Amino acid sequence: MIPRILVIRLSSLGDVVLTAPVYKNLRAFWPESRICVLVKPQFAAVLANNPHVDEVLVFRGLWKTVKDIRARNFTHLLDLHGTLRTLLIRTFSGVRETVVYRKNAIARRLYVLFRWSSPALTKHSLDRYLESLAAWGVPILYRDLELGDYSGESKKEGKRSPANVLIAQTSFLGDALLTLPLAKRVKELLPGSTVTVLTRPDTASVFRQSPWVDAVIEQDKTGAHRGIRGLFSMAARLRSGGFDLALAAHRSFRTALLLRLARLPRRIGFSTSPGSFFYHETVYFSWAMPDVERNLALLTPLKPDLRPDARDSLYLSERSGEAARAAERVVSERLAAEGVGIDERIVALHPGSVWPTKRWFPARFAKLAARLRTQAGVRVMLIGGPGDAVLARTLAEQSGVDVLDWVGKTSLPELIAAARRWSLLVTNDSGPMHVAAAHGVPTLAIFGPTTRELGFFPYGEGHRVLEADLACRPCGLHGSKTCPEGHFLCMELIGVDDAYRNAVNMMGPARSPETVSP
């Protein structure tokens, strides 16, 4: 008998989106099954293009919904909501094979009312969704969300195909780099379109070197465009640009307000932005997806069946223009001057970070540098910004070996060009991690306070992450100045032996990404 499965989730947008891995696992276990999802009317479009969902059933009131369910003769029912209303639906629908996920509602209520914590609250909702499949013997093969699992919410009809597109990304280096695949997909999806990027002055060169960006507008939020006057000034400039479409990759209220003040005719942003009501269309921002795919999801209102592509992870492998060629000449000449042969392998180390708790211990980086140079026989290059110069000098001295100290001595285009020569990057959670991954350079990332669930792991094939399995992680989106728990075990438990063993192993053929526990 072919299973006919009903999944119920009558909750918020985020909860509905998180159910996507459930359908993947059901389909993998029962390839011929028919999967139907019951949701609130306003979220029906979110799952309409999910490749593993055959039908989206809209809740129309208790008795009408029960009638709809009984007419479809379901063999299995999975209740991922667990309320009195869904209890009544289960009771009167007459589906024999029924499973209800463990909501831990009492524990949640006690925490909300009295701040009484419980071990039950440490589990993510998605983990509880997936655990419920065990009752049917369904193995868990998929745990992550990916592009194509959900679509955006449209508030604007009758849209023409845009030809002049603005992408707004005024956050830091890593965020800027992770926006490049979005520009690339815009060019593919809208042939002949013009792509302009609104960004910070210090990340403008990222986009000026991109073959998919036609123009860059710099927004200096601490200078010329500071405050209300600067906001209106930039809005007037954008209004005169003739843009048909704005894609807001930055989730700030200021960005949403700016695009509204500019009166751009079609604005797409994330539903979790504080200014989401300024957008015509919104896309759910999921922490369970890589940041590259979260940004690409902004295009789902234009192409609901958009799917990830392996090329999305190699967005710095295609460079063009004289600036890129000039940076490559500078890097080649400097390497030759420092005695690095064209065939010598280079391992780059990035020991810095804006946030102190994201930094693995400098003494351990120094020991790793020494072992890579003396035992693996590779050249070691230290990279980072001007603020990391003292750290780099100390690290170099402690290592006791000759290192290539390029910290604070490269422009961003030169750093991007240098990445072409690396055999491996060992780094904290930082911007250079994305530079290397986007070139296809194997990247060994050291994660302390942040986790994969925040979406900032190195994206693509062949990368690994060293991290400690601790209940206190993550302790923040970006890290902090000091460990909130006072022990800093997330970095303390990551040893030099772990890093060296994985580094040497990764310099061989590229492998699939994996997480390595120290």
Protein backbone atom coordinates (compact mmCIF):
# COMPACT_ATOMS: atom_id res chain seq x y z
CA MET A 1 0.00 0.00 0.00
CA ILE A 2 1.32 3.44 -0.92
CA PRO A 3 1.40 5.69 2.19
CA ARG A 4 -0.76 8.80 2.05
CA ILE A 5 0.66 11.07 4.72
CA LEU A 6 -0.79 14.19 6.32
CA VAL A 7 1.53 16.48 8.29
CA ILE A 8 -0.10 19.15 10.48
CA ARG A 9 1.66 22.39 11.46
CA LEU A 10 -0.79 25.21 12.24
CA SER A 11 1.68 27.71 13.63
CA SER A 12 3.95 30.59 12.59
CA LEU A 13 5.93 31.00 9.40
CA GLY A 14 9.18 29.94 11.03
CA ASP A 15 7.68 26.76 12.44
CA VAL A 16 6.21 25.85 9.06
CA VAL A 17 9.54 26.39 7.29
CA LEU A 18 11.36 24.19 9.81
CA THR A 19 9.21 21.19 8.89
CA ALA A 20 10.89 20.87 5.45
CA PRO A 21 13.48 18.23 6.47
CA VAL A 22 10.61 16.05 7.72
CA TYR A 23 9.26 15.73 4.17
CA LYS A 24 12.69 14.90 2.77
CA ASN A 25 13.10 12.02 5.20
CA LEU A 26 9.58 10.73 4.62
CA ARG A 27 10.14 10.79 0.86
CA ALA A 28 13.50 9.04 1.17
CA PHE A 29 11.90 6.27 3.24
CA TRP A 30 8.71 6.01 1.17
CA PRO A 31 9.62 7.22 -2.37
CA GLU A 32 6.12 6.53 -3.74
CA SER A 33 4.26 8.17 -0.85
CA ARG A 34 1.90 11.11 -1.23
CA ILE A 35 2.66 13.87 1.28
CA CYS A 36 0.14 16.55 2.20
CA VAL A 37 0.68 19.41 4.68
CA LEU A 38 -2.03 21.21 6.63
CA VAL A 39 -1.17 24.86 7.35
CA LYS A 40 -2.86 28.20 7.97
CA PRO A 41 -4.06 29.98 4.80
CA GLN A 42 -1.42 32.73 4.97
CA PHE A 43 1.41 30.17 4.82
CA ALA A 44 0.12 27.96 2.00
CA ALA A 45 2.39 29.60 -0.59
CA VAL A 46 5.49 28.97 1.55
CA LEU A 47 5.46 25.20 0.87
CA ALA A 48 3.73 25.30 -2.52
CA ASN A 49 6.99 24.69 -4.42
CA ASN A 50 8.60 22.23 -2.03
CA PRO A 51 9.61 19.24 -4.22
CA HIS A 52 8.69 16.75 -1.47
CA VAL A 53 5.19 18.08 -0.80
CA ASP A 54 2.41 16.89 -3.13
CA GLU A 55 -0.39 19.03 -1.74
CA VAL A 56 -0.79 21.93 0.68
CA LEU A 57 -4.11 21.73 2.52
CA VAL A 58 -5.43 24.98 3.98
CA PHE A 59 -7.10 25.04 7.39
CA ARG A 60 -10.73 26.18 6.86
CA GLY A 61 -12.12 25.77 10.34
CA LEU A 62 -12.30 22.58 12.40
CA TRP A 63 -15.19 20.72 10.76
CA LYS A 64 -14.46 21.74 7.16
CA THR A 65 -10.87 20.70 7.64
CA VAL A 66 -11.88 17.34 9.10
CA LYS A 67 -14.12 16.82 6.09
CA ASP A 68 -11.24 17.67 3.72
CA ILE A 69 -8.98 15.20 5.51
CA ARG A 70 -11.50 12.35 5.54
CA ALA A 71 -12.09 12.80 1.80
CA ARG A 72 -8.41 12.08 1.08
CA ASN A 73 -8.19 8.72 2.88
CA PHE A 74 -4.83 9.33 4.57
CA THR A 75 -3.02 6.29 5.96
CA HIS A 76 -0.63 8.24 8.22
CA LEU A 77 -0.98 11.45 10.21
CA LEU A 78 1.91 13.34 11.80
CA ASP A 79 0.88 16.10 14.19
CA LEU A 80 3.71 18.62 14.54
CA HIS A 81 1.54 21.11 16.38
CA GLY A 82 0.20 19.25 19.41
CA THR A 83 -2.65 21.48 20.60
CA LEU A 84 -6.26 20.86 21.58
CA ARG A 85 -7.34 21.87 18.10
CA THR A 86 -5.09 19.32 16.41
CA LEU A 87 -6.17 16.71 18.97
CA LEU A 88 -9.74 17.20 17.76
CA ILE A 89 -8.60 17.02 14.14
CA ARG A 90 -6.80 13.74 14.83
CA THR A 91 -9.75 12.32 16.73
CA PHE A 92 -12.38 13.00 14.09
CA SER A 93 -10.26 12.44 10.98
CA GLY A 94 -10.10 8.69 11.54
CA VAL A 95 -6.47 8.21 10.43
CA ARG A 96 -5.17 5.02 12.02
CA GLU A 97 -1.38 5.55 11.96
CA THR A 98 -1.02 8.72 14.03
CA VAL A 99 2.07 10.23 15.66
CA VAL A 100 2.31 13.41 17.76
CA TYR A 101 5.61 15.15 18.36
CA ARG A 102 6.71 15.94 21.92
CA LYS A 103 6.07 19.64 22.32
CA ASN A 104 7.13 19.95 25.99
CA ALA A 105 4.46 22.61 26.37
CA ILE A 106 4.50 22.50 30.18
CA ALA A 107 8.26 23.06 30.31
CA ARG A 108 7.92 26.00 27.94
CA ARG A 109 5.11 27.56 29.97
CA LEU A 110 7.04 27.22 33.24
CA TYR A 111 10.03 28.89 31.66
CA VAL A 112 7.95 31.77 30.28
CA LEU A 113 6.12 32.35 33.58
CA PHE A 114 8.80 31.62 36.18
CA ARG A 115 12.09 31.22 34.21
CA TRP A 116 12.25 27.60 35.42
CA SER A 117 14.63 25.92 33.01
CA SER A 118 14.40 22.31 31.87
CA PRO A 119 16.67 19.95 29.85
CA ALA A 120 13.70 19.52 27.49
CA LEU A 121 14.15 23.11 26.32
CA THR A 122 17.68 22.54 25.05
CA LYS A 123 16.40 20.63 22.01
CA HIS A 124 15.69 22.56 18.84
CA SER A 125 12.14 22.33 17.47
CA LEU A 126 13.47 20.69 14.30
CA ASP A 127 15.14 17.95 16.34
CA ARG A 128 11.82 17.19 18.04
CA TYR A 129 10.04 17.14 14.68
CA LEU A 130 12.53 14.59 13.35
CA GLU A 131 12.45 12.45 16.50
CA SER A 132 8.73 11.89 15.97
CA LEU A 133 9.50 9.95 12.77
CA ALA A 134 11.08 7.14 14.81
CA ALA A 135 7.59 5.81 15.59
CA TRP A 136 7.25 4.85 11.92
CA GLY A 137 10.81 3.57 11.63
CA VAL A 138 11.86 6.45 9.36
CA PRO A 139 15.65 6.99 9.51
CA ILE A 140 16.94 10.56 9.68
CA LEU A 141 19.05 11.23 6.60
CA TYR A 142 18.44 14.96 6.32
CA ARG A 143 18.59 17.58 9.05
CA ASP A 144 19.28 20.82 7.19
CA LEU A 145 17.15 23.29 5.31
CA GLU A 146 18.24 24.27 1.82
CA LEU A 147 17.23 26.60 -0.94
CA GLY A 148 13.98 25.45 -2.53
CA ASP A 149 12.46 24.11 0.67
CA TYR A 150 10.24 27.17 0.97
CA SER A 151 9.12 30.22 -1.04
CA GLY A 152 8.58 33.89 -0.25
CA GLU A 153 5.40 35.72 0.64
CA SER A 154 4.10 38.09 -2.03
CA LYS A 155 2.15 41.26 -1.27
CA LYS A 156 2.39 42.80 -4.74
CA GLU A 157 0.73 41.58 -7.92
CA GLY A 158 1.11 42.43 -11.60
CA LYS A 159 4.91 42.73 -11.55
CA ARG A 160 6.92 43.24 -14.72
CA SER A 161 10.32 41.66 -15.28
CA PRO A 162 12.94 43.94 -13.69
CA ALA A 163 15.87 45.23 -15.74
CA ASN A 164 17.60 47.49 -13.20
CA VAL A 165 18.27 45.72 -9.91
CA LEU A 166 19.62 47.09 -6.64
CA ILE A 167 21.12 44.76 -4.02
CA ALA A 168 21.47 46.31 -0.56
CA GLN A 169 24.20 44.87 1.67
CA THR A 170 25.77 47.32 4.09
CA SER A 171 27.11 44.87 6.66
CA PHE A 172 30.67 43.55 7.16
CA LEU A 173 33.18 41.76 4.91
CA GLY A 174 31.87 38.23 5.41
CA ASP A 175 28.31 39.31 4.70
CA ALA A 176 29.44 41.18 1.57
CA LEU A 177 31.25 38.13 0.21
CA LEU A 178 28.27 35.90 0.87
CA THR A 179 26.09 38.26 -1.20
CA LEU A 180 28.09 37.74 -4.42
CA PRO A 181 26.24 34.50 -5.36
CA LEU A 182 23.01 36.51 -5.20
CA ALA A 183 24.38 38.98 -7.77
CA LYS A 184 25.47 36.07 -9.95
CA ARG A 185 22.03 34.45 -9.86
CA VAL A 186 20.33 37.77 -10.67
CA LYS A 187 22.40 37.97 -13.86
CA GLU A 188 21.46 34.40 -14.77
CA LEU A 189 17.79 34.79 -13.90
CA LEU A 190 17.40 38.20 -15.59
CA PRO A 191 19.64 38.21 -18.68
CA GLY A 192 20.58 41.72 -19.75
CA SER A 193 19.73 43.25 -16.40
CA THR A 194 21.92 45.84 -14.67
CA VAL A 195 23.00 45.00 -11.12
CA THR A 196 24.00 47.76 -8.69
CA VAL A 197 25.12 47.05 -5.11
CA LEU A 198 24.64 49.42 -2.19
CA THR A 199 27.41 48.72 0.31
CA ARG A 200 29.90 50.13 2.82
CA PRO A 201 33.04 51.92 1.59
CA ASP A 202 35.31 49.27 3.14
CA THR A 203 33.61 46.42 1.25
CA ALA A 204 33.05 48.22 -2.06
CA SER A 205 36.08 46.56 -3.68
CA VAL A 206 34.46 43.13 -3.14
CA PHE A 207 31.72 44.09 -5.55
CA ARG A 208 33.76 46.25 -7.93
CA GLN A 209 35.85 43.18 -8.82
CA SER A 210 32.82 40.99 -9.41
CA PRO A 211 31.89 40.18 -13.02
CA TRP A 212 28.21 40.16 -11.98
CA VAL A 213 28.08 43.70 -10.57
CA ASP A 214 27.78 46.64 -12.95
CA ALA A 215 27.93 49.51 -10.44
CA VAL A 216 28.56 50.15 -6.75
CA ILE A 217 27.02 52.83 -4.54
CA GLU A 218 28.86 53.48 -1.29
CA GLN A 219 26.85 54.29 1.82
CA ASP A 220 29.07 55.80 4.50
CA LYS A 221 26.84 55.39 7.56
CA THR A 222 29.43 56.94 9.90
CA GLY A 223 30.29 59.84 7.60
CA ALA A 224 28.49 61.51 4.71
CA HIS A 225 25.33 59.40 5.13
CA ARG A 226 25.16 59.53 8.89
CA GLY A 227 21.88 60.24 10.69
CA ILE A 228 18.54 61.34 9.31
CA ARG A 229 19.97 63.84 6.86
CA GLY A 230 22.30 61.23 5.41
CA LEU A 231 19.44 58.74 5.17
CA PHE A 232 17.28 61.12 3.12
CA SER A 233 20.25 62.08 0.97
CA MET A 234 20.93 58.45 0.05
CA ALA A 235 17.21 57.81 -0.51
CA ALA A 236 17.13 60.67 -3.03
CA ARG A 237 20.15 59.21 -4.83
CA LEU A 238 18.55 55.77 -5.05
CA ARG A 239 15.26 57.27 -6.21
CA SER A 240 17.05 58.82 -9.18
CA GLY A 241 18.65 55.50 -10.14
CA GLY A 242 15.64 54.14 -11.99
CA PHE A 243 15.67 50.80 -10.15
CA ASP A 244 12.88 48.29 -10.87
CA LEU A 245 13.73 45.92 -8.03
CA ALA A 246 15.52 46.08 -4.68
CA LEU A 247 16.81 42.97 -2.88
CA ALA A 248 17.68 43.66 0.75
CA ALA A 249 20.30 41.17 1.90
CA HIS A 250 20.82 43.24 5.06
CA ARG A 251 18.09 42.72 7.66
CA SER A 252 18.39 46.10 9.42
CA PHE A 253 15.49 48.49 9.97
CA ARG A 254 17.56 51.31 8.46
CA THR A 255 17.99 49.43 5.18
CA ALA A 256 14.26 48.69 4.94
CA LEU A 257 13.39 52.32 5.71
CA LEU A 258 15.94 53.59 3.17
CA LEU A 259 14.46 51.52 0.36
CA ARG A 260 10.97 52.69 1.31
CA LEU A 261 12.02 56.33 1.33
CA ALA A 262 13.60 55.79 -2.08
CA ARG A 263 10.14 54.69 -3.32
CA LEU A 264 11.56 51.76 -5.24
CA PRO A 265 8.64 50.03 -7.01
CA ARG A 266 9.40 46.47 -5.91
CA ARG A 267 11.19 45.69 -2.66
CA ILE A 268 12.02 42.18 -1.42
CA GLY A 269 13.51 41.55 2.01
CA PHE A 270 13.53 39.12 4.92
CA SER A 271 10.44 38.61 7.05
CA THR A 272 12.58 38.79 10.20
CA SER A 273 13.78 42.33 9.45
CA PRO A 274 12.45 44.89 11.95
CA GLY A 275 11.33 46.87 8.91
CA SER A 276 9.75 43.97 7.01
CA PHE A 277 6.47 45.91 6.67
CA PHE A 278 8.29 48.26 4.27
CA TYR A 279 8.77 45.43 1.75
CA HIS A 280 6.33 44.36 -0.95
CA GLU A 281 7.47 40.74 -0.60
CA THR A 282 9.23 38.94 2.21
CA VAL A 283 11.23 35.73 2.45
CA TYR A 284 11.69 33.82 5.68
CA PHE A 285 15.19 34.11 7.16
CA SER A 286 16.16 30.66 8.41
CA TRP A 287 19.09 30.13 10.78
CA ALA A 288 19.09 26.49 9.68
CA MET A 289 20.40 27.35 6.20
CA PRO A 290 23.85 28.48 5.00
CA ASP A 291 24.00 32.25 4.58
CA VAL A 292 24.63 31.97 0.83
CA GLU A 293 21.36 30.10 0.37
CA ARG A 294 19.48 32.45 2.70
CA ASN A 295 20.47 35.33 0.42
CA LEU A 296 19.57 33.39 -2.72
CA ALA A 297 16.12 32.80 -1.23
CA LEU A 298 15.42 36.48 -1.88
CA LEU A 299 14.96 35.46 -5.52
CA THR A 300 12.23 32.91 -4.83
CA PRO A 301 9.44 35.48 -5.38
CA LEU A 302 10.84 35.74 -8.93
CA LYS A 303 11.63 32.04 -9.34
CA PRO A 304 9.85 29.86 -6.74
CA ASP A 305 11.62 26.67 -7.88
CA LEU A 306 15.12 28.13 -7.44
CA ARG A 307 17.55 25.46 -6.23
CA PRO A 308 21.16 25.53 -4.94
CA ASP A 309 23.96 24.86 -7.40
CA ALA A 310 27.48 23.61 -6.67
CA ARG A 311 28.81 26.69 -8.47
CA ASP A 312 27.24 28.94 -5.85
CA SER A 313 30.07 28.08 -3.47
CA LEU A 314 32.82 29.15 -5.91
CA TYR A 315 31.78 32.75 -6.37
CA LEU A 316 35.33 34.16 -6.24
CA SER A 317 36.76 31.73 -8.78
CA GLU A 318 35.69 34.01 -11.65
CA ARG A 319 37.54 37.33 -11.53
CA SER A 320 37.77 39.97 -14.19
CA GLY A 321 39.05 43.46 -14.76
CA GLU A 322 42.37 45.22 -14.52
CA ALA A 323 42.14 45.63 -10.73
CA ALA A 324 42.01 41.86 -10.25
CA ARG A 325 44.90 41.29 -12.64
CA ALA A 326 46.94 44.02 -10.94
CA ALA A 327 46.35 42.40 -7.52
CA GLU A 328 47.49 39.03 -8.87
CA ARG A 329 50.72 40.61 -10.19
CA VAL A 330 51.41 42.20 -6.80
CA VAL A 331 50.90 38.86 -5.02
CA SER A 332 53.11 36.93 -7.46
CA GLU A 333 55.91 39.46 -7.17
CA ARG A 334 55.77 39.52 -3.38
CA LEU A 335 55.83 35.73 -3.12
CA ALA A 336 58.81 35.57 -5.45
CA ALA A 337 60.62 38.26 -3.45
CA GLU A 338 60.09 36.24 -0.26
CA GLY A 339 61.53 33.14 -1.87
CA VAL A 340 58.33 31.14 -2.30
CA GLY A 341 58.58 28.79 -5.25
CA ILE A 342 55.72 28.49 -7.69
CA ASP A 343 55.18 24.84 -6.71
CA GLU A 344 55.48 25.30 -2.95
CA ARG A 345 52.36 24.72 -0.91
CA ILE A 346 51.14 27.60 1.25
CA VAL A 347 48.94 27.24 4.33
CA ALA A 348 47.36 30.51 5.44
CA LEU A 349 46.56 31.12 9.10
CA HIS A 350 44.10 33.76 10.22
CA PRO A 351 44.40 34.13 14.02
CA GLY A 352 42.35 37.32 14.43
CA SER A 353 38.73 38.33 14.82
CA VAL A 354 36.84 41.45 15.80
CA TRP A 355 35.35 39.45 18.69
CA PRO A 356 37.84 38.15 21.31
CA THR A 357 35.90 34.98 22.07
CA LYS A 358 36.10 33.94 18.40
CA ARG A 359 39.90 33.79 18.59
CA TRP A 360 41.63 30.46 19.13
CA PHE A 361 44.63 30.92 21.42
CA PRO A 362 47.62 32.66 19.70
CA ALA A 363 50.05 30.24 21.37
CA ARG A 364 48.23 27.31 19.73
CA PHE A 365 48.29 29.01 16.34
CA ALA A 366 52.04 29.47 16.87
CA LYS A 367 52.56 25.77 17.64
CA LEU A 368 50.46 24.83 14.64
CA ALA A 369 52.55 27.11 12.41
CA ALA A 370 55.74 25.47 13.70
CA ARG A 371 54.49 21.95 13.01
CA LEU A 372 53.20 22.82 9.55
CA ARG A 373 56.56 24.32 8.61
CA THR A 374 58.87 21.73 10.17
CA GLN A 375 56.83 18.53 9.85
CA ALA A 376 54.58 19.12 6.83
CA GLY A 377 57.16 21.19 4.96
CA VAL A 378 54.72 23.87 3.80
CA ARG A 379 55.11 27.64 3.81
CA VAL A 380 52.98 29.37 6.42
CA MET A 381 51.34 32.72 5.65
CA LEU A 382 49.76 34.88 8.37
CA ILE A 383 46.85 37.01 7.18
CA GLY A 384 44.61 39.59 8.79
CA GLY A 385 43.85 43.28 9.04
CA PRO A 386 46.01 46.09 10.44
CA GLY A 387 44.50 45.58 13.87
CA ASP A 388 46.00 42.08 13.99
CA ALA A 389 49.59 43.24 13.38
CA VAL A 390 50.79 42.95 17.00
CA LEU A 391 49.09 39.56 17.36
CA ALA A 392 50.84 38.34 14.20
CA ARG A 393 54.28 39.51 15.30
CA THR A 394 53.87 37.77 18.64
CA LEU A 395 52.65 34.60 16.96
CA ALA A 396 55.55 34.62 14.50
CA GLU A 397 58.09 35.01 17.29
CA GLN A 398 56.51 32.23 19.36
CA SER A 399 56.46 29.83 16.40
CA GLY A 400 60.26 29.89 16.05
CA VAL A 401 60.02 29.30 12.27
CA ASP A 402 60.06 31.51 9.22
CA VAL A 403 56.54 32.64 8.37
CA LEU A 404 55.19 34.95 5.71
CA ASP A 405 53.72 37.81 7.71
CA TRP A 406 51.15 39.45 5.41
CA VAL A 407 48.96 40.76 8.21
CA GLY A 408 47.84 44.31 7.50
CA LYS A 409 49.95 44.37 4.33
CA THR A 410 47.36 43.47 1.69
CA SER A 411 44.40 45.24 0.21
CA LEU A 412 41.18 43.25 -0.06
CA PRO A 413 41.76 42.58 -3.80
CA GLU A 414 45.29 41.35 -2.97
CA LEU A 415 43.96 39.06 -0.23
CA ILE A 416 41.48 37.60 -2.71
CA ALA A 417 44.29 37.09 -5.22
CA ALA A 418 46.53 35.50 -2.59
CA ALA A 419 43.84 32.93 -1.81
CA ARG A 420 44.43 31.40 -5.24
CA ARG A 421 47.84 30.25 -4.01
CA TRP A 422 46.74 28.66 -0.74
CA SER A 423 46.57 24.91 -0.30
CA LEU A 424 44.65 25.37 2.95
CA LEU A 425 43.33 28.05 5.27
CA VAL A 426 43.13 27.56 9.04
CA THR A 427 40.98 30.31 10.47
CA ASN A 428 38.70 31.56 13.17
CA ASP A 429 35.08 32.35 12.24
CA SER A 430 35.82 35.44 10.13
CA GLY A 431 35.68 37.08 6.70
CA PRO A 432 38.80 35.39 5.20
CA MET A 433 37.09 32.05 5.82
CA HIS A 434 34.57 32.97 3.12
CA VAL A 435 37.31 34.26 0.79
CA ALA A 436 39.06 30.88 0.85
CA ALA A 437 35.89 28.79 0.60
CA ALA A 438 34.70 30.86 -2.36
CA HIS A 439 37.93 29.98 -4.20
CA GLY A 440 37.48 26.28 -3.45
CA VAL A 441 40.43 26.37 -1.02
CA PRO A 442 40.01 23.68 1.67
CA THR A 443 39.17 25.57 4.85
CA LEU A 444 39.65 24.36 8.43
CA ALA A 445 37.56 26.69 10.58
CA ILE A 446 37.76 26.91 14.36
CA PHE A 447 34.38 27.73 15.89
CA GLY A 448 33.99 28.63 19.55
CA PRO A 449 30.98 30.72 20.58
CA THR A 450 29.23 30.44 17.20
CA THR A 451 27.76 27.33 15.60
CA ARG A 452 26.68 25.93 12.27
CA GLU A 453 23.05 26.72 13.08
CA LEU A 454 23.84 30.42 12.67
CA GLY A 455 24.56 29.74 9.01
CA PHE A 456 28.14 30.98 8.75
CA PHE A 457 30.13 27.78 8.24
CA PRO A 458 32.47 27.70 5.22
CA TYR A 459 30.13 27.03 2.30
CA GLY A 460 30.86 24.32 -0.26
CA GLU A 461 32.72 21.04 -0.56
CA GLY A 462 35.99 20.06 1.11
CA HIS A 463 35.80 22.11 4.33
CA ARG A 464 35.84 21.10 7.99
CA VAL A 465 35.09 22.71 11.32
CA LEU A 466 36.73 22.10 14.67
CA GLU A 467 34.30 22.67 17.52
CA ALA A 468 33.51 21.43 21.01
CA ASP A 469 30.11 19.93 21.79
CA LEU A 470 28.95 22.14 24.68
CA ALA A 471 25.46 23.00 25.89
CA CYS A 472 26.44 26.67 26.28
CA ARG A 473 27.07 27.07 22.54
CA PRO A 474 26.12 29.26 20.80
CA CYS A 475 26.41 32.11 23.29
CA GLY A 476 25.81 34.82 20.71
CA LEU A 477 25.46 35.64 17.03
CA HIS A 478 28.92 37.21 16.76
CA GLY A 479 30.72 36.21 19.94
CA SER A 480 31.59 38.61 22.75
CA LYS A 481 34.50 40.20 24.61
CA THR A 482 34.59 37.53 27.32
CA CYS A 483 33.15 34.06 27.87
CA PRO A 484 29.73 34.42 29.56
CA GLU A 485 30.38 31.22 31.52
CA GLY A 486 33.91 32.20 32.53
CA HIS A 487 35.59 28.97 31.36
CA PHE A 488 36.10 29.47 27.59
CA LEU A 489 35.93 25.69 27.10
CA CYS A 490 34.71 26.09 23.51
CA MET A 491 38.27 27.06 22.56
CA GLU A 492 40.14 25.37 25.42
CA LEU A 493 39.00 21.92 24.24
CA ILE A 494 40.37 22.39 20.71
CA GLY A 495 43.98 21.21 20.70
CA VAL A 496 46.91 21.69 18.36
CA ASP A 497 47.03 17.94 17.61
CA ASP A 498 43.42 18.08 16.35
CA ALA A 499 44.15 21.05 14.13
CA TYR A 500 47.40 19.64 12.73
CA ARG A 501 45.96 16.20 12.00
CA ASN A 502 43.02 17.67 10.09
CA ALA A 503 45.16 20.26 8.30
CA VAL A 504 47.54 17.64 6.92
CA ASN A 505 44.66 15.39 5.94
CA MET A 506 42.82 18.20 4.15
CA MET A 507 45.75 19.19 1.99
CA GLY A 508 45.13 16.01 0.03
CA PRO A 509 42.16 15.58 -2.35
CA ALA A 510 39.10 17.69 -1.51
CA ARG A 511 36.52 15.95 0.64
CA SER A 512 32.91 16.52 1.58
CA PRO A 513 32.31 19.06 4.36
CA GLU A 514 32.11 17.60 7.84
CA THR A 515 32.19 18.69 11.43
CA VAL A 516 35.09 17.40 13.51
CA SER A 517 34.81 17.19 17.27
CA PRO A 518 38.07 17.72 19.14
